[in-house]
């Protein structure tokens, strides 16, 4: 039972840090173009293909 004194605040802090990181990613535009990423892996004209 004594460990709950440490585990509950640690889990609340980690959950709050994850939530803050999620809102920061939303504000920075991380999720603005999900369709572009999905279509990009299907293309064959890569910019970073190895030179022959």
N, C-alpha and C. Protein backbone atom coordinates (compact mmCIF):
# COMPACT_ATOMS: atom_id res chain seq x y z
N UNK A 1 0.81 -1.21 0.00
CA UNK A 1 0.00 0.00 0.00
C UNK A 1 0.85 1.26 0.00
N UNK A 2 2.04 1.16 0.58
CA UNK A 2 2.90 2.34 0.61
C UNK A 2 3.40 2.73 -0.77
N UNK A 3 3.48 1.75 -1.69
CA UNK A 3 3.95 2.06 -3.05
C UNK A 3 2.95 2.90 -3.82
N UNK A 4 1.67 2.83 -3.47
CA UNK A 4 0.66 3.62 -4.16
C UNK A 4 0.89 5.11 -3.99
N UNK A 5 1.54 5.49 -2.92
CA UNK A 5 1.86 6.90 -2.68
C UNK A 5 2.80 7.41 -3.78
N UNK A 6 3.64 6.53 -4.31
CA UNK A 6 4.57 6.91 -5.36
C UNK A 6 4.01 6.63 -6.76
N UNK A 7 3.27 5.53 -6.90
CA UNK A 7 2.81 5.12 -8.22
C UNK A 7 1.68 5.98 -8.76
N UNK A 8 0.76 6.39 -7.92
CA UNK A 8 -0.37 7.20 -8.40
C UNK A 8 0.09 8.57 -8.88
N UNK A 9 0.90 9.33 -8.16
CA UNK A 9 1.38 10.60 -8.71
C UNK A 9 2.27 10.42 -9.94
N UNK A 10 3.06 9.35 -9.98
CA UNK A 10 3.90 9.11 -11.15
C UNK A 10 3.04 8.83 -12.38
N UNK A 11 1.98 8.04 -12.23
CA UNK A 11 1.12 7.75 -13.37
C UNK A 11 0.34 8.99 -13.80
N UNK A 12 -0.09 9.80 -12.87
CA UNK A 12 -0.78 11.04 -13.22
C UNK A 12 0.14 12.00 -13.95
N UNK A 13 1.39 12.07 -13.51
CA UNK A 13 2.36 12.93 -14.19
C UNK A 13 2.64 12.44 -15.60
N UNK A 14 2.83 11.13 -15.76
CA UNK A 14 3.11 10.59 -17.09
C UNK A 14 1.91 10.74 -18.03
N UNK A 15 0.70 10.57 -17.51
CA UNK A 15 -0.49 10.79 -18.32
C UNK A 15 -0.64 12.25 -18.72
N UNK A 16 -0.36 13.16 -17.80
CA UNK A 16 -0.41 14.59 -18.13
C UNK A 16 0.66 14.99 -19.14
N UNK A 17 1.84 14.39 -19.03
CA UNK A 17 2.90 14.68 -19.99
C UNK A 17 2.52 14.16 -21.38
N UNK A 18 1.90 13.00 -21.44
CA UNK A 18 1.44 12.48 -22.73
C UNK A 18 0.34 13.33 -23.33
N UNK A 19 -0.57 13.81 -22.51
CA UNK A 19 -1.64 14.68 -22.99
C UNK A 19 -1.09 16.02 -23.46
N UNK A 20 -0.13 16.56 -22.74
CA UNK A 20 0.50 17.82 -23.15
C UNK A 20 1.25 17.64 -24.47
N UNK A 21 1.92 16.51 -24.65
CA UNK A 21 2.63 16.25 -25.90
C UNK A 21 1.65 16.11 -27.06
N UNK A 22 0.51 15.48 -26.81
CA UNK A 22 -0.51 15.35 -27.85
C UNK A 22 -1.04 16.70 -28.28
N UNK A 23 -1.37 17.56 -27.32
CA UNK A 23 -1.87 18.89 -27.67
C UNK A 23 -0.80 19.73 -28.36
N UNK A 24 0.46 19.56 -27.98
CA UNK A 24 1.55 20.28 -28.65
C UNK A 24 1.67 19.83 -30.10
N UNK A 25 1.53 18.52 -30.35
CA UNK A 25 1.59 18.02 -31.73
C UNK A 25 0.40 18.51 -32.54
N UNK A 26 -0.77 18.60 -31.92
CA UNK A 26 -1.92 19.14 -32.64
C UNK A 26 -1.70 20.58 -33.06
N UNK A 27 -1.15 21.38 -32.15
CA UNK A 27 -0.93 22.79 -32.43
C UNK A 27 0.18 23.02 -33.45
N UNK A 28 1.16 22.11 -33.51
CA UNK A 28 2.27 22.28 -34.44
C UNK A 28 1.95 21.76 -35.84
N UNK A 29 0.76 21.16 -36.03
CA UNK A 29 0.36 20.73 -37.37
C UNK A 29 0.84 19.34 -37.74
N UNK A 30 1.09 18.50 -36.78
CA UNK A 30 1.59 17.15 -37.05
C UNK A 30 0.57 16.31 -37.81
N UNK A 31 -0.72 16.52 -37.57
CA UNK A 31 -1.76 15.68 -38.14
C UNK A 31 -2.55 16.38 -39.23
N UNK A 32 -1.96 17.35 -39.91
CA UNK A 32 -2.69 18.13 -40.90
C UNK A 32 -2.94 17.38 -42.20
N UNK A 33 -2.03 16.52 -42.63
CA UNK A 33 -2.15 15.88 -43.94
C UNK A 33 -1.99 14.36 -43.84
N UNK A 34 -2.95 13.65 -43.27
CA UNK A 34 -2.80 12.19 -43.18
C UNK A 34 -2.95 11.50 -44.53
N UNK A 35 -3.72 12.07 -45.46
CA UNK A 35 -3.89 11.43 -46.77
C UNK A 35 -2.62 11.52 -47.60
N UNK A 36 -1.87 12.59 -47.45
CA UNK A 36 -0.62 12.72 -48.20
C UNK A 36 0.38 11.67 -47.80
N UNK A 37 0.48 11.36 -46.53
CA UNK A 37 1.40 10.32 -46.09
C UNK A 37 0.95 8.95 -46.55
N UNK A 38 -0.34 8.70 -46.56
CA UNK A 38 -0.84 7.40 -46.99
C UNK A 38 -0.59 7.19 -48.48
N UNK A 39 -0.70 8.22 -49.28
CA UNK A 39 -0.47 8.08 -50.71
C UNK A 39 1.01 8.10 -51.07
N UNK A 40 1.83 8.67 -50.24
CA UNK A 40 3.25 8.80 -50.53
C UNK A 40 3.96 7.44 -50.55
N UNK A 41 3.51 6.49 -49.74
CA UNK A 41 4.18 5.19 -49.73
C UNK A 41 3.79 4.34 -50.93
N UNK A 42 2.76 4.73 -51.66
CA UNK A 42 2.35 3.97 -52.83
C UNK A 42 3.02 4.45 -54.11
N UNK A 43 3.67 5.58 -54.09
CA UNK A 43 4.32 6.10 -55.29
C UNK A 43 5.63 5.38 -55.55
N UNK A 44 6.05 5.38 -56.79
CA UNK A 44 7.32 4.72 -57.15
C UNK A 44 8.41 5.71 -57.48
N UNK A 45 8.11 6.99 -57.61
CA UNK A 45 9.13 7.99 -57.95
C UNK A 45 9.70 8.60 -56.68
N UNK A 46 10.66 7.91 -56.10
CA UNK A 46 11.26 8.36 -54.85
C UNK A 46 12.32 9.41 -55.11
N UNK A 47 12.43 10.34 -54.20
CA UNK A 47 13.49 11.35 -54.29
C UNK A 47 14.81 10.83 -53.73
N UNK A 48 14.74 9.84 -52.87
CA UNK A 48 15.96 9.38 -52.20
C UNK A 48 16.37 7.97 -52.64
N UNK A 49 16.06 7.62 -53.89
CA UNK A 49 16.47 6.29 -54.36
C UNK A 49 17.97 6.27 -54.63
N UNK A 50 18.59 5.11 -54.50
CA UNK A 50 20.06 5.05 -54.71
C UNK A 50 20.42 5.29 -56.17
N UNK A 51 21.51 5.97 -56.37
CA UNK A 51 22.00 6.26 -57.72
C UNK A 51 22.69 5.03 -58.28
N UNK A 52 22.46 4.73 -59.55
CA UNK A 52 23.06 3.55 -60.16
C UNK A 52 24.30 3.87 -60.94
